[in-house]
Amino acid sequence: MELTREQKELMQDACYRAAPREACGVIAGGLVYELTNFSSDPGTFHIRGQELAPIVAAHGGYDAVWHTHPSGDLLPSETDRANHPWPAALVIATRKAVAVYLHEYAEA
């Protein structure tokens, strides 16, 4: 999955605005959707189905789930790998960079 500069900038901007909390969302139909982080823990994120449902209905699914790591670490945590809805891509954004992880990464 290749991301455009604009897509990366939207996620990096979300990282900046949400810090020290994580921002989160999905990519569907080439669009970056920022969703509400319902987690009470600033180091994790939780997306609720009622926010995701209209996006899934409009696009027939989603291509990636993204979230930010305000700490600057681009590597997925064990929690990220364990809870991610594979085979959707996992995208992690920091203020300086964006990384995409595919299903093969979860099995490594």
N, C-alpha and C. Protein backbone atom coordinates (compact mmCIF):
# COMPACT_ATOMS: atom_id res chain seq x y z
N MET A 1 0.85 -1.18 0.00
CA MET A 1 0.00 0.00 0.00
C MET A 1 0.89 1.23 0.00
N GLU A 2 0.69 2.07 -1.00
CA GLU A 2 1.43 3.32 -1.10
C GLU A 2 0.54 4.46 -0.64
N LEU A 3 1.11 5.37 0.13
CA LEU A 3 0.37 6.53 0.61
C LEU A 3 0.84 7.78 -0.11
N THR A 4 -0.08 8.68 -0.36
CA THR A 4 0.29 9.95 -0.97
C THR A 4 0.85 10.89 0.11
N ARG A 5 1.49 11.91 -0.35
CA ARG A 5 2.01 12.93 0.58
C ARG A 5 0.87 13.55 1.39
N GLU A 6 -0.25 13.82 0.71
CA GLU A 6 -1.40 14.41 1.40
C GLU A 6 -1.93 13.48 2.49
N GLN A 7 -2.05 12.18 2.19
CA GLN A 7 -2.52 11.23 3.20
C GLN A 7 -1.59 11.22 4.41
N LYS A 8 -0.30 11.18 4.16
CA LYS A 8 0.68 11.18 5.26
C LYS A 8 0.57 12.46 6.09
N GLU A 9 0.44 13.59 5.42
CA GLU A 9 0.34 14.86 6.13
C GLU A 9 -0.90 14.93 7.01
N LEU A 10 -2.03 14.38 6.54
CA LEU A 10 -3.24 14.38 7.36
C LEU A 10 -3.03 13.59 8.65
N MET A 11 -2.38 12.44 8.56
CA MET A 11 -2.14 11.63 9.76
C MET A 11 -1.10 12.28 10.67
N GLN A 12 -0.07 12.87 10.10
CA GLN A 12 0.94 13.54 10.91
C GLN A 12 0.35 14.76 11.61
N ASP A 13 -0.53 15.48 10.94
CA ASP A 13 -1.21 16.61 11.57
C ASP A 13 -2.06 16.12 12.74
N ALA A 14 -2.74 15.00 12.57
CA ALA A 14 -3.54 14.42 13.65
C ALA A 14 -2.65 14.06 14.84
N CYS A 15 -1.46 13.55 14.56
CA CYS A 15 -0.51 13.22 15.63
C CYS A 15 -0.16 14.47 16.42
N TYR A 16 0.12 15.53 15.73
CA TYR A 16 0.48 16.79 16.37
C TYR A 16 -0.66 17.32 17.24
N ARG A 17 -1.88 17.32 16.68
CA ARG A 17 -3.03 17.87 17.39
C ARG A 17 -3.44 17.04 18.60
N ALA A 18 -3.32 15.72 18.52
CA ALA A 18 -3.80 14.85 19.59
C ALA A 18 -2.79 14.63 20.71
N ALA A 19 -1.53 14.87 20.44
CA ALA A 19 -0.48 14.58 21.43
C ALA A 19 -0.81 15.24 22.77
N PRO A 20 -0.60 14.53 23.85
CA PRO A 20 0.14 13.27 24.01
C PRO A 20 -0.71 12.02 23.79
N ARG A 21 -1.98 12.17 23.44
CA ARG A 21 -2.84 11.02 23.16
C ARG A 21 -2.60 10.54 21.73
N GLU A 22 -3.00 9.29 21.45
CA GLU A 22 -2.93 8.77 20.10
C GLU A 22 -4.17 9.21 19.32
N ALA A 23 -3.97 9.55 18.07
CA ALA A 23 -5.07 9.79 17.14
C ALA A 23 -5.25 8.49 16.35
N CYS A 24 -6.42 8.33 15.73
CA CYS A 24 -6.67 7.08 15.02
C CYS A 24 -7.70 7.27 13.93
N GLY A 25 -7.78 6.29 13.04
CA GLY A 25 -8.77 6.33 11.98
C GLY A 25 -8.56 5.21 11.00
N VAL A 26 -9.17 5.35 9.84
CA VAL A 26 -9.05 4.35 8.78
C VAL A 26 -8.79 5.05 7.45
N ILE A 27 -8.30 4.26 6.50
CA ILE A 27 -8.16 4.72 5.12
C ILE A 27 -9.10 3.85 4.30
N ALA A 28 -10.00 4.49 3.59
CA ALA A 28 -10.98 3.78 2.76
C ALA A 28 -11.22 4.58 1.49
N GLY A 29 -11.22 3.91 0.37
CA GLY A 29 -11.46 4.61 -0.89
C GLY A 29 -10.44 5.70 -1.16
N GLY A 30 -9.24 5.53 -0.65
CA GLY A 30 -8.18 6.53 -0.85
C GLY A 30 -8.28 7.73 0.07
N LEU A 31 -9.29 7.75 0.94
CA LEU A 31 -9.49 8.87 1.85
C LEU A 31 -9.03 8.52 3.26
N VAL A 32 -8.45 9.48 3.94
CA VAL A 32 -8.05 9.31 5.33
C VAL A 32 -9.16 9.84 6.22
N TYR A 33 -9.70 8.96 7.04
CA TYR A 33 -10.75 9.33 7.98
C TYR A 33 -10.17 9.34 9.38
N GLU A 34 -10.26 10.47 10.06
CA GLU A 34 -9.87 10.52 11.47
C GLU A 34 -11.11 10.23 12.30
N LEU A 35 -11.00 9.28 13.20
CA LEU A 35 -12.11 8.88 14.05
C LEU A 35 -11.79 9.25 15.50
N THR A 36 -12.78 9.19 16.33
CA THR A 36 -12.61 9.50 17.75
C THR A 36 -11.85 8.37 18.43
N ASN A 37 -10.86 8.73 19.23
CA ASN A 37 -10.16 7.74 20.05
C ASN A 37 -10.94 7.64 21.37
N PHE A 38 -11.63 6.53 21.55
CA PHE A 38 -12.45 6.35 22.74
C PHE A 38 -11.68 5.73 23.91
N SER A 39 -10.38 5.51 23.76
CA SER A 39 -9.59 4.91 24.83
C SER A 39 -9.35 5.92 25.95
N SER A 40 -9.43 5.45 27.18
CA SER A 40 -9.11 6.31 28.32
C SER A 40 -7.61 6.31 28.61
N ASP A 41 -6.88 5.40 27.98
CA ASP A 41 -5.42 5.31 28.13
C ASP A 41 -4.77 6.12 27.02
N PRO A 42 -3.98 7.14 27.35
CA PRO A 42 -3.42 8.00 26.30
C PRO A 42 -2.45 7.27 25.37
N GLY A 43 -1.96 6.09 25.76
CA GLY A 43 -1.01 5.35 24.94
C GLY A 43 -1.65 4.28 24.07
N THR A 44 -2.98 4.26 23.98
CA THR A 44 -3.67 3.29 23.14
C THR A 44 -4.81 3.99 22.40
N PHE A 45 -5.46 3.24 21.52
CA PHE A 45 -6.62 3.80 20.84
C PHE A 45 -7.71 2.76 20.75
N HIS A 46 -8.92 3.24 20.65
CA HIS A 46 -10.08 2.37 20.50
C HIS A 46 -11.08 3.05 19.57
N ILE A 47 -11.42 2.36 18.48
CA ILE A 47 -12.40 2.86 17.51
C ILE A 47 -13.71 2.14 17.76
N ARG A 48 -14.80 2.86 17.76
CA ARG A 48 -16.11 2.25 17.95
C ARG A 48 -16.79 2.00 16.61
N GLY A 49 -17.49 0.89 16.57
CA GLY A 49 -18.14 0.45 15.35
C GLY A 49 -19.14 1.44 14.77
N GLN A 50 -19.83 2.19 15.64
CA GLN A 50 -20.84 3.12 15.12
C GLN A 50 -20.21 4.25 14.31
N GLU A 51 -18.97 4.59 14.57
CA GLU A 51 -18.28 5.59 13.75
C GLU A 51 -17.73 4.97 12.47
N LEU A 52 -17.33 3.73 12.57
CA LEU A 52 -16.74 3.03 11.43
C LEU A 52 -17.79 2.55 10.42
N ALA A 53 -18.96 2.20 10.88
CA ALA A 53 -19.99 1.60 10.03
C ALA A 53 -20.34 2.42 8.79
N PRO A 54 -20.55 3.74 8.89
CA PRO A 54 -20.89 4.49 7.67
C PRO A 54 -19.77 4.50 6.63
N ILE A 55 -18.53 4.46 7.10
CA ILE A 55 -17.38 4.43 6.18
C ILE A 55 -17.34 3.09 5.47
N VAL A 56 -17.52 2.03 6.22
CA VAL A 56 -17.54 0.68 5.64
C VAL A 56 -18.68 0.57 4.64
N ALA A 57 -19.84 1.10 4.98
CA ALA A 57 -20.99 1.05 4.07
C ALA A 57 -20.72 1.82 2.78
N ALA A 58 -20.07 2.97 2.90
CA ALA A 58 -19.81 3.81 1.73
C ALA A 58 -18.74 3.24 0.81
N HIS A 59 -17.78 2.52 1.39
CA HIS A 59 -16.64 2.04 0.60
C HIS A 59 -16.55 0.52 0.49
N GLY A 60 -17.45 -0.19 1.12
CA GLY A 60 -17.39 -1.64 1.08
C GLY A 60 -16.28 -2.21 1.93
N GLY A 61 -15.81 -1.46 2.89
CA GLY A 61 -14.72 -1.89 3.77
C GLY A 61 -13.71 -0.78 3.94
N TYR A 62 -12.53 -1.15 4.40
CA TYR A 62 -11.45 -0.18 4.54
C TYR A 62 -10.13 -0.88 4.21
N ASP A 63 -9.15 -0.09 3.80
CA ASP A 63 -7.86 -0.63 3.38
C ASP A 63 -6.84 -0.67 4.50
N ALA A 64 -6.98 0.24 5.45
CA ALA A 64 -6.00 0.33 6.53
C ALA A 64 -6.62 0.94 7.77
N VAL A 65 -6.08 0.57 8.90
CA VAL A 65 -6.35 1.24 10.17
C VAL A 65 -5.07 1.98 10.51
N TRP A 66 -5.20 3.25 10.86
CA TRP A 66 -4.02 4.02 11.21
C TRP A 66 -4.16 4.57 12.62
N HIS A 67 -3.02 4.77 13.23
CA HIS A 67 -2.99 5.47 14.51
C HIS A 67 -1.63 6.13 14.65
N THR A 68 -1.53 6.98 15.64
CA THR A 68 -0.29 7.73 15.82
C THR A 68 0.47 7.23 17.04
N HIS A 69 1.75 7.45 16.99
CA HIS A 69 2.64 7.22 18.13
C HIS A 69 3.31 8.55 18.44
N PRO A 70 2.73 9.35 19.34
CA PRO A 70 3.32 10.65 19.65
C PRO A 70 4.75 10.55 20.18
N SER A 71 5.12 9.36 20.68
CA SER A 71 6.49 9.16 21.18
C SER A 71 7.52 9.21 20.07
N GLY A 72 7.08 9.03 18.83
CA GLY A 72 8.00 9.04 17.70
C GLY A 72 8.42 7.65 17.25
N ASP A 73 7.99 6.61 17.93
CA ASP A 73 8.36 5.24 17.59
C ASP A 73 7.48 4.74 16.44
N LEU A 74 8.09 4.37 15.32
CA LEU A 74 7.34 3.90 14.17
C LEU A 74 7.03 2.40 14.19
N LEU A 75 7.64 1.67 15.10
CA LEU A 75 7.41 0.23 15.15
C LEU A 75 6.11 -0.10 15.86
N PRO A 76 5.35 -1.07 15.35
CA PRO A 76 4.12 -1.49 16.03
C PRO A 76 4.45 -2.17 17.35
N SER A 77 3.65 -1.88 18.35
CA SER A 77 3.81 -2.56 19.63
C SER A 77 3.22 -3.97 19.53
N GLU A 78 3.46 -4.79 20.53
CA GLU A 78 2.84 -6.12 20.54
C GLU A 78 1.32 -5.98 20.55
N THR A 79 0.81 -4.99 21.27
CA THR A 79 -0.64 -4.75 21.31
C THR A 79 -1.15 -4.38 19.92
N ASP A 80 -0.40 -3.54 19.21
CA ASP A 80 -0.78 -3.16 17.85
C ASP A 80 -0.90 -4.40 16.97
N ARG A 81 0.11 -5.26 17.01
CA ARG A 81 0.10 -6.45 16.15
C ARG A 81 -1.00 -7.42 16.55
N ALA A 82 -1.23 -7.59 17.84
CA ALA A 82 -2.21 -8.57 18.33
C ALA A 82 -3.65 -8.12 18.06
N ASN A 83 -3.92 -6.83 18.15
CA ASN A 83 -5.30 -6.34 18.06
C ASN A 83 -5.69 -5.82 16.68
N HIS A 84 -4.74 -5.77 15.76
CA HIS A 84 -5.02 -5.19 14.45
C HIS A 84 -5.90 -6.13 13.61
N PRO A 85 -6.87 -5.57 12.88
CA PRO A 85 -7.76 -6.39 12.05
C PRO A 85 -7.12 -6.77 10.71
N TRP A 86 -6.14 -7.66 10.74
CA TRP A 86 -5.51 -8.11 9.51
C TRP A 86 -6.56 -8.79 8.64
N PRO A 87 -6.54 -8.66 7.33
CA PRO A 87 -5.42 -8.26 6.48
C PRO A 87 -5.38 -6.77 6.12
N ALA A 88 -6.18 -5.94 6.75
CA ALA A 88 -6.06 -4.50 6.50
C ALA A 88 -4.63 -4.07 6.88
N ALA A 89 -4.11 -3.11 6.16
CA ALA A 89 -2.78 -2.59 6.47
C ALA A 89 -2.81 -1.87 7.82
N LEU A 90 -1.70 -1.89 8.51
CA LEU A 90 -1.50 -1.14 9.75
C LEU A 90 -0.62 0.04 9.41
N VAL A 91 -1.10 1.24 9.70
CA VAL A 91 -0.33 2.45 9.41
C VAL A 91 -0.08 3.17 10.73
N ILE A 92 1.19 3.50 10.96
CA ILE A 92 1.58 4.24 12.16
C ILE A 92 2.21 5.56 11.71
N ALA A 93 1.73 6.64 12.30
CA ALA A 93 2.24 7.97 11.96
C ALA A 93 2.83 8.62 13.20
N THR A 94 3.94 9.29 13.00
CA THR A 94 4.52 10.16 14.02
C THR A 94 4.53 11.57 13.43
N ARG A 95 5.05 12.50 14.16
CA ARG A 95 5.11 13.86 13.62
C ARG A 95 6.06 13.96 12.44
N LYS A 96 7.03 13.03 12.36
CA LYS A 96 8.07 13.13 11.33
C LYS A 96 7.99 12.10 10.22
N ALA A 97 7.26 11.00 10.43
CA ALA A 97 7.26 9.93 9.44
C ALA A 97 5.98 9.10 9.54
N VAL A 98 5.76 8.29 8.50
CA VAL A 98 4.62 7.38 8.45
C VAL A 98 5.13 6.04 7.92
N ALA A 99 4.70 4.95 8.57
CA ALA A 99 5.10 3.61 8.15
C ALA A 99 3.86 2.75 7.92
N VAL A 100 3.95 1.89 6.90
CA VAL A 100 2.87 0.97 6.56
C VAL A 100 3.36 -0.46 6.81
N TYR A 101 2.54 -1.23 7.52
CA TYR A 101 2.85 -2.63 7.81
C TYR A 101 1.73 -3.48 7.23
N LEU A 102 2.13 -4.53 6.53
CA LEU A 102 1.18 -5.44 5.94
C LEU A 102 1.10 -6.71 6.75
N HIS A 103 0.17 -7.58 6.43
CA HIS A 103 -0.10 -8.79 7.21
C HIS A 103 1.14 -9.63 7.45
N GLU A 104 2.04 -9.67 6.49
CA GLU A 104 3.26 -10.48 6.64
C GLU A 104 4.06 -10.05 7.88
N TYR A 105 3.98 -8.77 8.22
CA TYR A 105 4.71 -8.27 9.37
C TYR A 105 4.18 -8.89 10.67
N ALA A 106 2.89 -9.13 10.75
CA ALA A 106 2.29 -9.66 11.96
C ALA A 106 2.79 -11.06 12.25
N GLU A 107 3.16 -11.80 11.20
CA GLU A 107 3.58 -13.19 11.38
C GLU A 107 5.09 -13.31 11.55
N ALA A 108 5.82 -12.23 11.40
CA ALA A 108 7.28 -12.27 11.50
C ALA A 108 7.74 -12.41 12.94
